Protein backbone atom coordinates (compact mmCIF):
# COMPACT_ATOMS: atom_id res chain seq x y z
CA MET A 1 -23.04 -7.12 34.81
CA VAL A 2 -21.45 -7.41 31.35
CA PRO A 3 -18.58 -5.79 31.29
CA THR A 4 -19.07 -2.61 28.80
CA GLU A 5 -16.66 -4.19 26.44
CA ILE A 6 -16.53 -7.64 25.59
CA GLU A 7 -13.26 -8.62 23.01
CA ILE A 8 -13.24 -11.66 20.88
CA TYR A 9 -9.51 -12.74 20.36
CA ASN A 10 -7.87 -14.76 17.42
CA HIS A 11 -6.65 -17.32 20.74
CA ASP A 12 -10.42 -17.80 21.68
CA THR A 13 -11.89 -20.96 21.11
CA ASP A 14 -15.00 -21.53 19.17
CA VAL A 15 -17.11 -22.23 22.43
CA ASP A 16 -15.01 -19.23 24.15
CA VAL A 17 -16.34 -16.80 21.24
CA THR A 18 -19.61 -18.22 21.71
CA HIS A 19 -19.76 -17.77 25.57
CA LYS A 20 -18.72 -13.94 24.38
CA ILE A 21 -21.35 -13.66 21.72
CA ASN A 22 -24.18 -15.14 24.14
CA THR A 23 -23.13 -12.84 26.94
CA ILE A 24 -23.54 -9.48 24.45
CA GLU A 25 -26.71 -11.15 23.13
CA LEU A 26 -27.85 -11.36 26.82
CA ASP A 27 -27.21 -7.97 27.86
CA ASN A 28 -28.95 -6.73 24.29
CA TRP A 29 -32.09 -8.52 25.84
CA ILE A 30 -31.76 -7.02 29.23
CA ASN A 31 -31.67 -3.79 27.67
CA HIS A 32 -34.57 -4.49 25.34
CA LEU A 33 -37.06 -5.48 27.91
CA LYS A 34 -35.90 -2.42 30.34
CA TYR A 35 -36.94 -0.53 27.45
CA ILE A 36 -40.50 -2.72 26.59
CA LYS A 37 -41.06 -1.99 30.33
CA LYS A 38 -41.32 1.67 29.92
CA GLU A 39 -42.84 1.60 26.67
CA LEU A 40 -45.66 -1.06 28.18
CA ASN A 41 -46.17 1.76 31.04
CA ASN A 42 -46.62 4.93 28.87
CA LEU A 43 -49.27 2.53 26.75
CA ILE A 44 -50.93 1.88 30.13
CA GLY A 45 -51.12 5.31 30.87
CA LEU A 46 -52.31 5.93 27.28
CA CYS A 47 -55.28 3.70 27.81
CA ASN A 48 -55.72 4.74 31.22
CA ALA A 49 -56.47 8.34 29.71
CA ASN A 50 -59.91 7.69 28.45
CA LEU A 51 -57.94 5.92 25.28
CA ASP A 52 -59.93 2.86 26.09
CA GLN A 53 -63.07 4.43 26.44
CA ARG A 54 -62.91 5.64 22.73
CA LEU A 55 -61.66 1.90 22.15
CA GLU A 56 -64.58 0.65 23.54
CA ASP A 57 -62.43 -2.21 24.46
CA GLU A 58 -61.13 -2.20 28.16
CA SER A 59 -59.80 -6.01 27.64
CA VAL A 60 -56.37 -3.35 25.68
CA VAL A 61 -55.17 -2.05 29.30
CA GLN A 62 -56.13 -5.43 30.69
CA LYS A 63 -53.78 -7.15 27.99
CA PHE A 64 -51.01 -4.50 28.21
CA GLN A 65 -50.34 -4.85 31.81
CA LYS A 66 -50.59 -9.04 31.96
CA LYS A 67 -47.84 -8.73 29.35
CA GLU A 68 -46.12 -6.14 31.74
CA THR A 69 -46.55 -8.40 34.50
CA GLU A 70 -44.77 -10.98 31.65
CA ASN A 71 -41.92 -8.48 31.01
CA ASP A 72 -41.06 -8.28 34.75
CA THR A 73 -40.79 -11.74 34.89
CA LEU A 74 -38.54 -12.62 32.00
CA LEU A 75 -36.45 -9.64 32.94
CA ILE A 76 -35.83 -10.82 36.48
CA ALA A 77 -34.66 -14.44 35.36
CA LEU A 78 -32.67 -12.64 32.82
CA GLN A 79 -31.05 -10.51 35.15
CA LYS A 80 -30.53 -13.54 37.39
CA TYR A 81 -29.26 -15.84 34.03
CA MET A 82 -26.84 -12.89 33.41
CA SER A 83 -25.27 -13.03 37.24
CA THR A 84 -24.54 -16.95 36.58
CA ARG A 85 -22.89 -16.59 33.18
CA SER A 86 -19.49 -15.45 35.08
CA GLU A 87 -19.15 -19.62 36.22
CA ILE A 88 -18.39 -20.03 32.85
CA ILE A 89 -15.04 -19.67 33.09
CA GLU A 90 -15.06 -22.43 35.61
CA CYS A 91 -15.96 -25.22 33.14
CA GLU A 92 -13.77 -27.49 32.41
CA ASP A 93 -15.33 -29.89 29.93
CA THR A 94 -17.84 -29.46 26.70
CA GLN A 95 -20.41 -30.80 28.93
CA CYS A 96 -20.23 -28.10 31.15
CA ASP A 97 -20.10 -25.46 28.12
CA MET A 98 -22.68 -27.40 26.34
CA ALA A 99 -25.17 -26.72 29.52
CA TYR A 100 -24.34 -23.16 29.44
CA ILE A 101 -25.08 -22.74 25.58
CA ASN A 102 -28.20 -25.33 26.08
CA GLU A 103 -29.43 -23.13 28.65
CA HIS A 104 -28.89 -19.21 26.61
CA GLU A 105 -30.87 -21.18 23.72
CA SER A 106 -33.46 -21.77 26.05
CA TYR A 107 -33.84 -17.92 26.73
CA ARG A 108 -33.38 -17.07 23.14
CA ARG A 109 -36.48 -18.95 22.31
CA SER A 110 -38.44 -17.31 25.35
CA TYR A 111 -37.11 -13.90 24.69
CA LEU A 112 -38.20 -14.47 20.92
CA TYR A 113 -41.91 -15.51 22.11
CA HIS A 114 -42.33 -12.82 24.46
CA LEU A 115 -41.00 -10.35 22.04
CA ASP A 116 -43.61 -11.99 19.31
CA LYS A 117 -46.35 -11.71 21.62
CA TYR A 118 -45.47 -8.54 22.38
CA ARG A 119 -45.07 -6.84 18.87
CA ARG A 120 -48.36 -9.06 18.09
CA LEU A 121 -50.55 -6.48 21.00
CA LYS A 122 -48.81 -3.66 20.02
CA ASP A 123 -49.92 -3.77 16.47
CA GLU A 124 -53.34 -5.43 17.70
CA PHE A 125 -53.66 -1.94 19.77
CA PHE A 126 -52.44 0.35 17.12
CA SER A 127 -54.63 -1.06 14.53
CA LYS A 128 -57.51 -0.46 16.67
CA VAL A 129 -56.59 3.03 17.75
CA GLN A 130 -55.80 4.02 13.86
CA GLY A 131 -59.11 2.40 12.89
CA LYS A 132 -61.83 4.14 15.59
CA PHE A 133 -59.85 7.80 15.03
CA THR A 134 -60.56 7.00 11.12
CA LEU A 135 -63.80 6.61 11.77
CA LEU A 136 -63.89 9.71 14.45
CA GLN A 137 -62.39 11.95 11.60
CA GLY A 138 -64.63 10.87 8.70
CA ILE A 139 -68.02 11.83 11.29
CA SER A 140 -66.84 15.45 12.22
């Protein structure tokens, strides 16, 4: 796992700084995906507590379950990737460093894509929930 404190020193090269920043960023992604995992568990629980019937849309819980699987897959991939980053210190040339930097960029795109899709799904859910609750409040 990542050290609790990564320090950037004046004598670090630009590549060393990039690797350190990428490691910090990766640790943040992993922590965020762990939080999303908990949040999805709560949202699925909410939907299963008869909320999906009030929404008249059973696909909501299925979409959350699919997103939960995608989140788990990405989380596992990032955790495996984190464990390989310890080998960066063995890089002896720019080509090796660039391979790690390019791999990180690829994971960044995957993470941001996943995050965007998750946020859209949550927005769709809350929009439906608010719409139904507004309609229900207007009826009573």
